Amino acid sequence: MYATFEEAKSAPSGLAVIGVFFQLTTDQAESSLSEMGNLFSSLGGLSDAGSNLNVTAFSPDVLLPQNKEKFFRYQGSLTIPPCTENVQWTVMRQPLRVTNEDVSFNSVF
């Protein structure tokens, strides 16, 4: 356990990242992120770096697929400079089904 992000990022295997693939669907009823709709729509309220936003509490479990036992794991690096090679990557095998509306928040950034 590390006290700060700075301490963790300088330690071998100090960081862990979980990745989840998205699979597009046109049926909102199939969306894995339907519970997240309010959060994602409120992200449009962010205008600048450093903006604050109050959000409703949610379970982070909704951001993971139902099958959490199948995943790929490997040692790798950060994807942004300085690309430090101390990351334990876990990439979930099962994608989350999402609609275009679910992921339209990325246009904010």
PDB file of N, CA and C in Angstrom:
ATOM      1  N   MET A   1       0.856  -1.170   0.000  1.00  0.00           N
ATOM      2  CA  MET A   1       0.000   0.000   0.000  1.00  0.00           C
ATOM      3  C   MET A   1       0.900   1.231   0.000  1.00  0.00           C
ATOM      4  N   TYR A   2       0.461   2.218  -0.733  1.00  0.00           N
ATOM      5  CA  TYR A   2       1.237   3.445  -0.856  1.00  0.00           C
ATOM      6  C   TYR A   2       0.425   4.621  -0.337  1.00  0.00           C
ATOM      7  N   ALA A   3       1.107   5.570   0.252  1.00  0.00           N
ATOM      8  CA  ALA A   3       0.428   6.725   0.844  1.00  0.00           C
ATOM      9  C   ALA A   3      -0.035   7.726  -0.211  1.00  0.00           C
ATOM     10  N   THR A   4       0.693   7.810  -1.323  1.00  0.00           N
ATOM     11  CA  THR A   4       0.348   8.788  -2.357  1.00  0.00           C
ATOM     12  C   THR A   4       0.515   8.165  -3.741  1.00  0.00           C
ATOM     13  N   PHE A   5      -0.102   8.798  -4.726  1.00  0.00           N
ATOM     14  CA  PHE A   5       0.070   8.365  -6.106  1.00  0.00           C
ATOM     15  C   PHE A   5       1.530   8.492  -6.515  1.00  0.00           C
ATOM     16  N   GLU A   6       2.181   9.559  -6.102  1.00  0.00           N
ATOM     17  CA  GLU A   6       3.592   9.780  -6.441  1.00  0.00           C
ATOM     18  C   GLU A   6       4.453   8.624  -5.942  1.00  0.00           C
ATOM     19  N   GLU A   7       4.177   8.156  -4.734  1.00  0.00           N
ATOM     20  CA  GLU A   7       4.929   7.029  -4.167  1.00  0.00           C
ATOM     21  C   GLU A   7       4.658   5.757  -4.971  1.00  0.00           C
ATOM     22  N   ALA A   8       3.408   5.511  -5.314  1.00  0.00           N
ATOM     23  CA  ALA A   8       3.036   4.304  -6.055  1.00  0.00           C
ATOM     24  C   ALA A   8       3.639   4.298  -7.452  1.00  0.00           C
ATOM     25  N   LYS A   9       3.607   5.438  -8.128  1.00  0.00           N
ATOM     26  CA  LYS A   9       4.081   5.449  -9.512  1.00  0.00           C
ATOM     27  C   LYS A   9       5.589   5.277  -9.624  1.00  0.00           C
ATOM     28  N   SER A  10       6.306   5.449  -8.528  1.00  0.00           N
ATOM     29  CA  SER A  10       7.752   5.248  -8.576  1.00  0.00           C
ATOM     30  C   SER A  10       8.167   3.866  -8.071  1.00  0.00           C
ATOM     31  N   ALA A  11       7.201   3.040  -7.664  1.00  0.00           N
ATOM     32  CA  ALA A  11       7.502   1.693  -7.169  1.00  0.00           C
ATOM     33  C   ALA A  11       7.289   0.656  -8.276  1.00  0.00           C
ATOM     34  N   PRO A  12       8.114  -0.406  -8.307  1.00  0.00           N
ATOM     35  CA  PRO A  12       7.875  -1.479  -9.277  1.00  0.00           C
ATOM     36  C   PRO A  12       6.491  -2.091  -9.027  1.00  0.00           C
ATOM     37  N   SER A  13       5.715  -2.267 -10.064  1.00  0.00           N
ATOM     38  CA  SER A  13       4.338  -2.794  -9.961  1.00  0.00           C
ATOM     39  C   SER A  13       3.494  -1.964  -8.999  1.00  0.00           C
ATOM     40  N   GLY A  14       3.773  -0.682  -8.922  1.00  0.00           N
ATOM     41  CA  GLY A  14       3.070   0.183  -7.976  1.00  0.00           C
ATOM     42  C   GLY A  14       1.690   0.617  -8.413  1.00  0.00           C
ATOM     43  N   LEU A  15       1.383   0.490  -9.707  1.00  0.00           N
ATOM     44  CA  LEU A  15       0.090   0.942 -10.213  1.00  0.00           C
ATOM     45  C   LEU A  15      -0.703  -0.221 -10.797  1.00  0.00           C
ATOM     46  N   ALA A  16      -2.015  -0.141 -10.685  1.00  0.00           N
ATOM     47  CA  ALA A  16      -2.911  -1.134 -11.285  1.00  0.00           C
ATOM     48  C   ALA A  16      -3.970  -0.396 -12.095  1.00  0.00           C
ATOM     49  N   VAL A  17      -4.260  -0.913 -13.277  1.00  0.00           N
ATOM     50  CA  VAL A  17      -5.274  -0.321 -14.150  1.00  0.00           C
ATOM     51  C   VAL A  17      -6.230  -1.421 -14.579  1.00  0.00           C
ATOM     52  N   ILE A  18      -7.532  -1.131 -14.532  1.00  0.00           N
ATOM     53  CA  ILE A  18      -8.546  -2.057 -15.035  1.00  0.00           C
ATOM     54  C   ILE A  18      -9.124  -1.453 -16.303  1.00  0.00           C
ATOM     55  N   GLY A  19      -9.110  -2.225 -17.388  1.00  0.00           N
ATOM     56  CA  GLY A  19      -9.673  -1.777 -18.659  1.00  0.00           C
ATOM     57  C   GLY A  19     -10.902  -2.591 -19.008  1.00  0.00           C
ATOM     58  N   VAL A  20     -11.892  -1.922 -19.591  1.00  0.00           N
ATOM     59  CA  VAL A  20     -13.122  -2.590 -20.015  1.00  0.00           C
ATOM     60  C   VAL A  20     -13.439  -2.131 -21.432  1.00  0.00           C
ATOM     61  N   PHE A  21     -13.670  -3.087 -22.328  1.00  0.00           N
ATOM     62  CA  PHE A  21     -14.074  -2.757 -23.693  1.00  0.00           C
ATOM     63  C   PHE A  21     -15.555  -2.421 -23.721  1.00  0.00           C
ATOM     64  N   PHE A  22     -15.950  -1.560 -24.652  1.00  0.00           N
ATOM     65  CA  PHE A  22     -17.356  -1.234 -24.885  1.00  0.00           C
ATOM     66  C   PHE A  22     -17.782  -1.846 -26.212  1.00  0.00           C
ATOM     67  N   GLN A  23     -19.017  -2.346 -26.248  1.00  0.00           N
ATOM     68  CA  GLN A  23     -19.617  -2.837 -27.487  1.00  0.00           C
ATOM     69  C   GLN A  23     -20.895  -2.037 -27.705  1.00  0.00           C
ATOM     70  N   LEU A  24     -21.000  -1.365 -28.848  1.00  0.00           N
ATOM     71  CA  LEU A  24     -22.155  -0.507 -29.103  1.00  0.00           C
ATOM     72  C   LEU A  24     -23.419  -1.310 -29.376  1.00  0.00           C
ATOM     73  N   THR A  25     -24.530  -0.820 -28.842  1.00  0.00           N
ATOM     74  CA  THR A  25     -25.858  -1.351 -29.109  1.00  0.00           C
ATOM     75  C   THR A  25     -26.783  -0.164 -29.351  1.00  0.00           C
ATOM     76  N   THR A  26     -27.850  -0.387 -30.097  1.00  0.00           N
ATOM     77  CA  THR A  26     -28.827   0.688 -30.310  1.00  0.00           C
ATOM     78  C   THR A  26     -29.983   0.584 -29.332  1.00  0.00           C
ATOM     79  N   ASP A  27     -30.026  -0.501 -28.566  1.00  0.00           N
ATOM     80  CA  ASP A  27     -31.128  -0.745 -27.628  1.00  0.00           C
ATOM     81  C   ASP A  27     -30.722  -0.310 -26.219  1.00  0.00           C
ATOM     82  N   GLN A  28     -31.319   0.777 -25.741  1.00  0.00           N
ATOM     83  CA  GLN A  28     -30.994   1.289 -24.401  1.00  0.00           C
ATOM     84  C   GLN A  28     -31.229   0.232 -23.330  1.00  0.00           C
ATOM     85  N   ALA A  29     -32.209  -0.662 -23.533  1.00  0.00           N
ATOM     86  CA  ALA A  29     -32.505  -1.706 -22.550  1.00  0.00           C
ATOM     87  C   ALA A  29     -31.342  -2.681 -22.397  1.00  0.00           C
ATOM     88  N   GLU A  30     -30.496  -2.800 -23.419  1.00  0.00           N
ATOM     89  CA  GLU A  30     -29.337  -3.698 -23.352  1.00  0.00           C
ATOM     90  C   GLU A  30     -28.113  -3.024 -22.736  1.00  0.00           C
ATOM     91  N   SER A  31     -28.190  -1.733 -22.515  1.00  0.00           N
ATOM     92  CA  SER A  31     -27.027  -0.988 -22.055  1.00  0.00           C
ATOM     93  C   SER A  31     -26.612  -1.404 -20.651  1.00  0.00           C
ATOM     94  N   SER A  32     -25.334  -1.694 -20.505  1.00  0.00           N
ATOM     95  CA  SER A  32     -24.773  -2.013 -19.190  1.00  0.00           C
ATOM     96  C   SER A  32     -24.666  -0.771 -18.323  1.00  0.00           C
ATOM     97  N   LEU A  33     -24.694   0.394 -18.942  1.00  0.00           N
ATOM     98  CA  LEU A  33     -24.465   1.639 -18.216  1.00  0.00           C
ATOM     99  C   LEU A  33     -25.738   2.439 -17.987  1.00  0.00           C
ATOM    100  N   SER A  34     -26.892   1.813 -18.132  1.00  0.00           N
ATOM    101  CA  SER A  34     -28.141   2.569 -17.981  1.00  0.00           C
ATOM    102  C   SER A  34     -28.222   3.239 -16.615  1.00  0.00           C
ATOM    103  N   GLU A  35     -27.660   2.604 -15.580  1.00  0.00           N
ATOM    104  CA  GLU A  35     -27.658   3.206 -14.242  1.00  0.00           C
ATOM    105  C   GLU A  35     -26.754   4.434 -14.175  1.00  0.00           C
ATOM    106  N   MET A  36     -25.860   4.547 -15.127  1.00  0.00           N
ATOM    107  CA  MET A  36     -24.897   5.641 -15.115  1.00  0.00           C
ATOM    108  C   MET A  36     -25.369   6.839 -15.921  1.00  0.00           C
ATOM    109  N   GLY A  37     -26.529   6.742 -16.551  1.00  0.00           N
ATOM    110  CA  GLY A  37     -27.005   7.800 -17.439  1.00  0.00           C
ATOM    111  C   GLY A  37     -26.959   9.177 -16.826  1.00  0.00           C
ATOM    112  N   ASN A  38     -27.433   9.308 -15.589  1.00  0.00           N
ATOM    113  CA  ASN A  38     -27.441  10.627 -14.951  1.00  0.00           C
ATOM    114  C   ASN A  38     -26.031  11.163 -14.749  1.00  0.00           C
ATOM    115  N   LEU A  39     -25.119  10.287 -14.388  1.00  0.00           N
ATOM    116  CA  LEU A  39     -23.736  10.725 -14.197  1.00  0.00           C
ATOM    117  C   LEU A  39     -23.159  11.217 -15.514  1.00  0.00           C
ATOM    118  N   PHE A  40     -23.299  10.413 -16.565  1.00  0.00           N
ATOM    119  CA  PHE A  40     -22.706  10.782 -17.840  1.00  0.00           C
ATOM    120  C   PHE A  40     -23.323  12.051 -18.406  1.00  0.00           C
ATOM    121  N   SER A  41     -24.640  12.190 -18.264  1.00  0.00           N
ATOM    122  CA  SER A  41     -25.264  13.400 -18.805  1.00  0.00           C
ATOM    123  C   SER A  41     -24.819  14.636 -18.020  1.00  0.00           C
ATOM    124  N   SER A  42     -24.542  14.469 -16.737  1.00  0.00           N
ATOM    125  CA  SER A  42     -24.104  15.621 -15.944  1.00  0.00           C
ATOM    126  C   SER A  42     -22.660  16.016 -16.252  1.00  0.00           C
ATOM    127  N   LEU A  43     -21.883  15.124 -16.873  1.00  0.00           N
ATOM    128  CA  LEU A  43     -20.503  15.470 -17.225  1.00  0.00           C
ATOM    129  C   LEU A  43     -20.456  16.617 -18.225  1.00  0.00           C
ATOM    130  N   GLY A  44     -21.559  16.813 -18.946  1.00  0.00           N
ATOM    131  CA  GLY A  44     -21.627  17.942 -19.865  1.00  0.00           C
ATOM    132  C   GLY A  44     -21.526  19.274 -19.150  1.00  0.00           C
ATOM    133  N   GLY A  45     -21.758  19.280 -17.825  1.00  0.00           N
ATOM    134  CA  GLY A  45     -21.646  20.501 -17.036  1.00  0.00           C
ATOM    135  C   GLY A  45     -20.215  20.918 -16.764  1.00  0.00           C
ATOM    136  N   LEU A  46     -19.257  20.048 -17.071  1.00  0.00           N
ATOM    137  CA  LEU A  46     -17.845  20.399 -16.894  1.00  0.00           C
ATOM    138  C   LEU A  46     -17.407  21.257 -18.066  1.00  0.00           C
ATOM    139  N   SER A  47     -16.780  22.359 -17.769  1.00  0.00           N
ATOM    140  CA  SER A  47     -16.381  23.242 -18.860  1.00  0.00           C
ATOM    141  C   SER A  47     -14.873  23.409 -18.987  1.00  0.00           C
ATOM    142  N   ASP A  48     -14.153  23.354 -17.881  1.00  0.00           N
ATOM    143  CA  ASP A  48     -12.706  23.559 -17.928  1.00  0.00           C
ATOM    144  C   ASP A  48     -12.022  22.545 -17.018  1.00  0.00           C
ATOM    145  N   ALA A  49     -10.722  22.395 -17.248  1.00  0.00           N
ATOM    146  CA  ALA A  49      -9.919  21.609 -16.322  1.00  0.00           C
ATOM    147  C   ALA A  49     -10.026  22.270 -14.961  1.00  0.00           C
ATOM    148  N   GLY A  50     -10.199  21.484 -13.927  1.00  0.00           N
ATOM    149  CA  GLY A  50     -10.320  22.028 -12.584  1.00  0.00           C
ATOM    150  C   GLY A  50     -11.747  22.320 -12.178  1.00  0.00           C
ATOM    151  N   SER A  51     -12.714  22.117 -13.091  1.00  0.00           N
ATOM    152  CA  SER A  51     -14.126  22.316 -12.740  1.00  0.00           C
ATOM    153  C   SER A  51     -14.549  21.274 -11.715  1.00  0.00           C
ATOM    154  N   ASN A  52     -15.500  21.630 -10.878  1.00  0.00           N
ATOM    155  CA  ASN A  52     -16.058  20.703  -9.896  1.00  0.00           C
ATOM    156  C   ASN A  52     -17.466  20.326 -10.300  1.00  0.00           C
ATOM    157  N   LEU A  53     -17.876  19.116  -9.891  1.00  0.00           N
ATOM    158  CA  LEU A  53     -19.205  18.630 -10.224  1.00  0.00           C
ATOM    159  C   LEU A  53     -19.677  17.721  -9.105  1.00  0.00           C
ATOM    160  N   ASN A  54     -20.861  17.968  -8.580  1.00  0.00           N
ATOM    161  CA  ASN A  54     -21.458  17.072  -7.594  1.00  0.00           C
ATOM    162  C   ASN A  54     -22.228  15.994  -8.333  1.00  0.00           C
ATOM    163  N   VAL A  55     -21.978  14.740  -7.977  1.00  0.00           N
ATOM    164  CA  VAL A  55     -22.666  13.626  -8.639  1.00  0.00           C
ATOM    165  C   VAL A  55     -23.358  12.755  -7.603  1.00  0.00           C
ATOM    166  N   THR A  56     -24.365  12.040  -8.057  1.00  0.00           N
ATOM    167  CA  THR A  56     -25.080  11.100  -7.208  1.00  0.00           C
ATOM    168  C   THR A  56     -24.210   9.872  -6.986  1.00  0.00           C
ATOM    169  N   ALA A  57     -24.254   9.314  -5.796  1.00  0.00           N
ATOM    170  CA  ALA A  57     -23.469   8.118  -5.480  1.00  0.00           C
ATOM    171  C   ALA A  57     -23.894   6.954  -6.378  1.00  0.00           C
ATOM    172  N   PHE A  58     -22.935   6.120  -6.743  1.00  0.00           N
ATOM    173  CA  PHE A  58     -23.217   4.928  -7.538  1.00  0.00           C
ATOM    174  C   PHE A  58     -22.209   3.852  -7.162  1.00  0.00           C
ATOM    175  N   SER A  59     -22.539   2.616  -7.487  1.00  0.00           N
ATOM    176  CA  SER A  59     -21.628   1.509  -7.223  1.00  0.00           C
ATOM    177  C   SER A  59     -20.652   1.379  -8.387  1.00  0.00           C
ATOM    178  N   PRO A  60     -19.354   1.397  -8.138  1.00  0.00           N
ATOM    179  CA  PRO A  60     -18.385   1.227  -9.226  1.00  0.00           C
ATOM    180  C   PRO A  60     -18.534  -0.116  -9.937  1.00  0.00           C
ATOM    181  N   ASP A  61     -19.229  -1.047  -9.309  1.00  0.00           N
ATOM    182  CA  ASP A  61     -19.450  -2.364  -9.898  1.00  0.00           C
ATOM    183  C   ASP A  61     -20.167  -2.268 -11.244  1.00  0.00           C
ATOM    184  N   VAL A  62     -20.979  -1.220 -11.460  1.00  0.00           N
ATOM    185  CA  VAL A  62     -21.690  -1.091 -12.737  1.00  0.00           C
ATOM    186  C   VAL A  62     -20.730  -0.786 -13.886  1.00  0.00           C
ATOM    187  N   LEU A  63     -19.500  -0.433 -13.582  1.00  0.00           N
ATOM    188  CA  LEU A  63     -18.508  -0.154 -14.616  1.00  0.00           C
ATOM    189  C   LEU A  63     -17.735  -1.402 -15.032  1.00  0.00           C
ATOM    190  N   LEU A  64     -18.077  -2.545 -14.428  1.00  0.00           N
ATOM    191  CA  LEU A  64     -17.421  -3.809 -14.751  1.00  0.00           C
ATOM    192  C   LEU A  64     -18.441  -4.780 -15.326  1.00  0.00           C
ATOM    193  N   PRO A  65     -17.998  -5.709 -16.183  1.00  0.00           N
ATOM    194  CA  PRO A  65     -18.933  -6.687 -16.739  1.00  0.00           C
ATOM    195  C   PRO A  65     -19.404  -7.669 -15.668  1.00  0.00           C
ATOM    196  N   GLN A  66     -20.500  -8.368 -15.967  1.00  0.00           N
ATOM    197  CA  GLN A  66     -21.019  -9.346 -15.011  1.00  0.00           C
ATOM    198  C   GLN A  66     -19.988 -10.428 -14.726  1.00  0.00           C
ATOM    199  N   ASN A  67     -19.316 -10.908 -15.764  1.00  0.00           N
ATOM    200  CA  ASN A  67     -18.309 -11.952 -15.588  1.00  0.00           C
ATOM    201  C   ASN A  67     -16.970 -11.295 -15.264  1.00  0.00           C
ATOM    202  N   LYS A  68     -16.644 -11.290 -13.987  1.00  0.00           N
ATOM    203  CA  LYS A  68     -15.395 -10.666 -13.539  1.00  0.00           C
ATOM    204  C   LYS A  68     -14.264 -11.679 -13.401  1.00  0.00           C
ATOM    205  N   GLU A  69     -14.558 -12.941 -13.734  1.00  0.00           N
ATOM    206  CA  GLU A  69     -13.550 -13.990 -13.574  1.00  0.00           C
ATOM    207  C   GLU A  69     -12.699 -14.193 -14.820  1.00  0.00           C
ATOM    208  N   LYS A  70     -13.121 -13.627 -15.952  1.00  0.00           N
ATOM    209  CA  LYS A  70     -12.355 -13.801 -17.187  1.00  0.00           C
ATOM    210  C   LYS A  70     -11.740 -12.466 -17.581  1.00  0.00           C
ATOM    211  N   PHE A  71     -10.407 -12.452 -17.589  1.00  0.00           N
ATOM    212  CA  PHE A  71      -9.682 -11.222 -17.900  1.00  0.00           C
ATOM    213  C   PHE A  71      -8.290 -11.567 -18.392  1.00  0.00           C
ATOM    214  N   PHE A  72      -7.652 -10.595 -18.984  1.00  0.00           N
ATOM    215  CA  PHE A  72      -6.259 -10.698 -19.404  1.00  0.00           C
ATOM    216  C   PHE A  72      -5.452  -9.854 -18.420  1.00  0.00           C
ATOM    217  N   ARG A  73      -4.280 -10.347 -18.024  1.00  0.00           N
ATOM    218  CA  ARG A  73      -3.448  -9.582 -17.095  1.00  0.00           C
ATOM    219  C   ARG A  73      -2.010  -9.597 -17.595  1.00  0.00           C
ATOM    220  N   TYR A  74      -1.393  -8.436 -17.541  1.00  0.00           N
ATOM    221  CA  TYR A  74       0.000  -8.349 -17.961  1.00  0.00           C
ATOM    222  C   TYR A  74       0.672  -7.145 -17.315  1.00  0.00           C
ATOM    223  N   GLN A  75       1.983  -7.188 -17.266  1.00  0.00           N
ATOM    224  CA  GLN A  75       2.782  -6.061 -16.790  1.00  0.00           C
ATOM    225  C   GLN A  75       3.001  -5.132 -17.965  1.00  0.00           C
ATOM    226  N   GLY A  76       2.819  -3.851 -17.744  1.00  0.00           N
ATOM    227  CA  GLY A  76       2.982  -2.895 -18.831  1.00  0.00           C
ATOM    228  C   GLY A  76       3.363  -1.528 -18.306  1.00  0.00           C
ATOM    229  N   SER A  77       2.984  -0.519 -19.070  1.00  0.00           N
ATOM    230  CA  SER A  77       3.383   0.843 -18.727  1.00  0.00           C
ATOM    231  C   SER A  77       2.180   1.772 -18.735  1.00  0.00           C
ATOM    232  N   LEU A  78       2.400   2.964 -18.217  1.00  0.00           N
ATOM    233  CA  LEU A  78       1.407   4.021 -18.356  1.00  0.00           C
ATOM    234  C   LEU A  78       1.268   4.348 -19.842  1.00  0.00           C
ATOM    235  N   THR A  79       0.097   4.816 -20.250  1.00  0.00           N
ATOM    236  CA  THR A  79      -0.125   5.114 -21.668  1.00  0.00           C
ATOM    237  C   THR A  79       0.168   6.571 -22.010  1.00  0.00           C
ATOM    238  N   ILE A  80       0.576   7.334 -21.020  1.00  0.00           N
ATOM    239  CA  ILE A  80       0.942   8.733 -21.242  1.00  0.00           C
ATOM    240  C   ILE A  80       2.331   8.963 -20.653  1.00  0.00           C
ATOM    241  N   PRO A  81       3.063   9.947 -21.165  1.00  0.00           N
ATOM    242  CA  PRO A  81       4.395  10.208 -20.616  1.00  0.00           C
ATOM    243  C   PRO A  81       4.333  10.412 -19.109  1.00  0.00           C
ATOM    244  N   PRO A  82       5.260   9.853 -18.389  1.00  0.00           N
ATOM    245  CA  PRO A  82       6.538   9.319 -18.827  1.00  0.00           C
ATOM    246  C   PRO A  82       6.509   7.842 -19.216  1.00  0.00           C
ATOM    247  N   CYS A  83       5.322   7.246 -19.382  1.00  0.00           N
ATOM    248  CA  CYS A  83       5.182   5.847 -19.815  1.00  0.00           C
ATOM    249  C   CYS A  83       5.955   4.886 -18.910  1.00  0.00           C
ATOM    250  N   THR A  84       5.911   5.147 -17.625  1.00  0.00           N
ATOM    251  CA  THR A  84       6.600   4.333 -16.630  1.00  0.00           C
ATOM    252  C   THR A  84       6.130   2.883 -16.719  1.00  0.00           C
ATOM    253  N   GLU A  85       7.074   1.949 -16.714  1.00  0.00           N
ATOM    254  CA  GLU A  85       6.754   0.528 -16.854  1.00  0.00           C
ATOM    255  C   GLU A  85       6.569  -0.126 -15.489  1.00  0.00           C
ATOM    256  N   ASN A  86       5.531   0.284 -14.785  1.00  0.00           N
ATOM    257  CA  ASN A  86       5.274  -0.283 -13.459  1.00  0.00           C
ATOM    258  C   ASN A  86       3.779  -0.518 -13.231  1.00  0.00           C
ATOM    259  N   VAL A  87       3.057  -0.820 -14.320  1.00  0.00           N
ATOM    260  CA  VAL A  87       1.607  -0.971 -14.231  1.00  0.00           C
ATOM    261  C   VAL A  87       1.212  -2.433 -14.385  1.00  0.00           C
ATOM    262  N   GLN A  88       0.368  -2.904 -13.488  1.00  0.00           N
ATOM    263  CA  GLN A  88      -0.259  -4.216 -13.646  1.00  0.00           C
ATOM    264  C   GLN A  88      -1.610  -3.965 -14.319  1.00  0.00           C
ATOM    265  N   TRP A  89      -1.712  -4.335 -15.588  1.00  0.00           N
ATOM    266  CA  TRP A  89      -2.938  -4.140 -16.363  1.00  0.00           C
ATOM    267  C   TRP A  89      -3.849  -5.347 -16.201  1.00  0.00           C
ATOM    268  N   THR A  90      -5.136  -5.087 -16.001  1.00  0.00           N
ATOM    269  CA  THR A  90      -6.169  -6.118 -16.016  1.00  0.00           C
ATOM    270  C   THR A  90      -7.219  -5.645 -17.012  1.00  0.00           C
ATOM    271  N   VAL A  91      -7.389  -6.398 -18.088  1.00  0.00           N
ATOM    272  CA  VAL A  91      -8.361  -6.039 -19.122  1.00  0.00           C
ATOM    273  C   VAL A  91      -9.464  -7.091 -19.109  1.00  0.00           C
ATOM    274  N   MET A  92     -10.673  -6.644 -18.825  1.00  0.00           N
ATOM    275  CA  MET A  92     -11.806  -7.560 -18.730  1.00  0.00           C
ATOM    276  C   MET A  92     -12.119  -8.129 -20.114  1.00  0.00           C
ATOM    277  N   ARG A  93     -12.400  -9.429 -20.149  1.00  0.00           N
ATOM    278  CA  ARG A  93     -12.650 -10.100 -21.425  1.00  0.00           C
ATOM    279  C   ARG A  93     -14.040  -9.788 -21.984  1.00  0.00           C
ATOM    280  N   GLN A  94     -15.041  -9.698 -21.118  1.00  0.00           N
ATOM    281  CA  GLN A  94     -16.418  -9.437 -21.549  1.00  0.00           C
ATOM    282  C   GLN A  94     -16.625  -7.929 -21.689  1.00  0.00           C
ATOM    283  N   PRO A  95     -17.097  -7.465 -22.851  1.00  0.00           N
ATOM    284  CA  PRO A  95     -17.336  -6.027 -23.007  1.00  0.00           C
ATOM    285  C   PRO A  95     -18.630  -5.598 -22.325  1.00  0.00           C
ATOM    286  N   LEU A  96     -18.723  -4.320 -22.045  1.00  0.00           N
ATOM    287  CA  LEU A  96     -19.978  -3.730 -21.581  1.00  0.00           C
ATOM    288  C   LEU A  96     -20.735  -3.243 -22.808  1.00  0.00           C
ATOM    289  N   ARG A  97     -22.026  -3.520 -22.861  1.00  0.00           N
ATOM    290  CA  ARG A  97     -22.852  -3.034 -23.968  1.00  0.00           C
ATOM    291  C   ARG A  97     -23.313  -1.623 -23.626  1.00  0.00           C
ATOM    292  N   VAL A  98     -23.085  -0.709 -24.555  1.00  0.00           N
ATOM    293  CA  VAL A  98     -23.410   0.699 -24.337  1.00  0.00           C
ATOM    294  C   VAL A  98     -24.042   1.285 -25.594  1.00  0.00           C
ATOM    295  N   THR A  99     -24.767   2.373 -25.413  1.00  0.00           N
ATOM    296  CA  THR A  99     -25.320   3.105 -26.553  1.00  0.00           C
ATOM    297  C   THR A  99     -24.440   4.314 -26.848  1.00  0.00           C
ATOM    298  N   ASN A 100     -24.644   4.913 -28.006  1.00  0.00           N
ATOM    299  CA  ASN A 100     -23.916   6.148 -28.334  1.00  0.00           C
ATOM    300  C   ASN A 100     -24.186   7.223 -27.298  1.00  0.00           C
ATOM    301  N   GLU A 101     -25.421   7.274 -26.800  1.00  0.00           N
ATOM    302  CA  GLU A 101     -25.774   8.272 -25.788  1.00  0.00           C
ATOM    303  C   GLU A 101     -24.989   8.047 -24.499  1.00  0.00           C
ATOM    304  N   ASP A 102     -24.781   6.769 -24.140  1.00  0.00           N
ATOM    305  CA  ASP A 102     -24.036   6.458 -22.917  1.00  0.00           C
ATOM    306  C   ASP A 102     -22.633   7.038 -22.955  1.00  0.00           C
ATOM    307  N   VAL A 103     -22.020   6.990 -24.104  1.00  0.00           N
ATOM    308  CA  VAL A 103     -20.612   7.390 -24.190  1.00  0.00           C
ATOM    309  C   VAL A 103     -20.412   8.743 -24.861  1.00  0.00           C
ATOM    310  N   SER A 104     -21.473   9.479 -25.086  1.00  0.00           N
ATOM    311  CA  SER A 104     -21.325  10.790 -25.728  1.00  0.00           C
ATOM    312  C   SER A 104     -20.653  11.802 -24.809  1.00  0.00           C
ATOM    313  N   PHE A 105     -20.515  11.459 -23.515  1.00  0.00           N
ATOM    314  CA  PHE A 105     -19.842  12.370 -22.584  1.00  0.00           C
ATOM    315  C   PHE A 105     -18.415  12.646 -23.004  1.00  0.00           C
ATOM    316  N   ASN A 106     -17.790  11.725 -23.756  1.00  0.00           N
ATOM    317  CA  ASN A 106     -16.383  11.940 -24.109  1.00  0.00           C
ATOM    318  C   ASN A 106     -16.196  13.149 -25.012  1.00  0.00           C
ATOM    319  N   SER A 107     -17.262  13.643 -25.628  1.00  0.00           N
ATOM    320  CA  SER A 107     -17.130  14.837 -26.454  1.00  0.00           C
ATOM    321  C   SER A 107     -16.873  16.081 -25.598  1.00  0.00           C
ATOM    322  N   VAL A 108     -17.126  15.967 -24.289  1.00  0.00           N
ATOM    323  CA  VAL A 108     -16.859  17.076 -23.372  1.00  0.00           C
ATOM    324  C   VAL A 108     -15.363  17.289 -23.240  1.00  0.00           C
ATOM    325  N   PHE A 109     -14.614  16.213 -23.322  1.00  0.00           N
ATOM    326  CA  PHE A 109     -13.182  16.287 -23.084  1.00  0.00           C
ATOM    327  C   PHE A 109     -12.448  16.323 -24.397  1.00  0.00           C
TER     328      PHE A 109
END
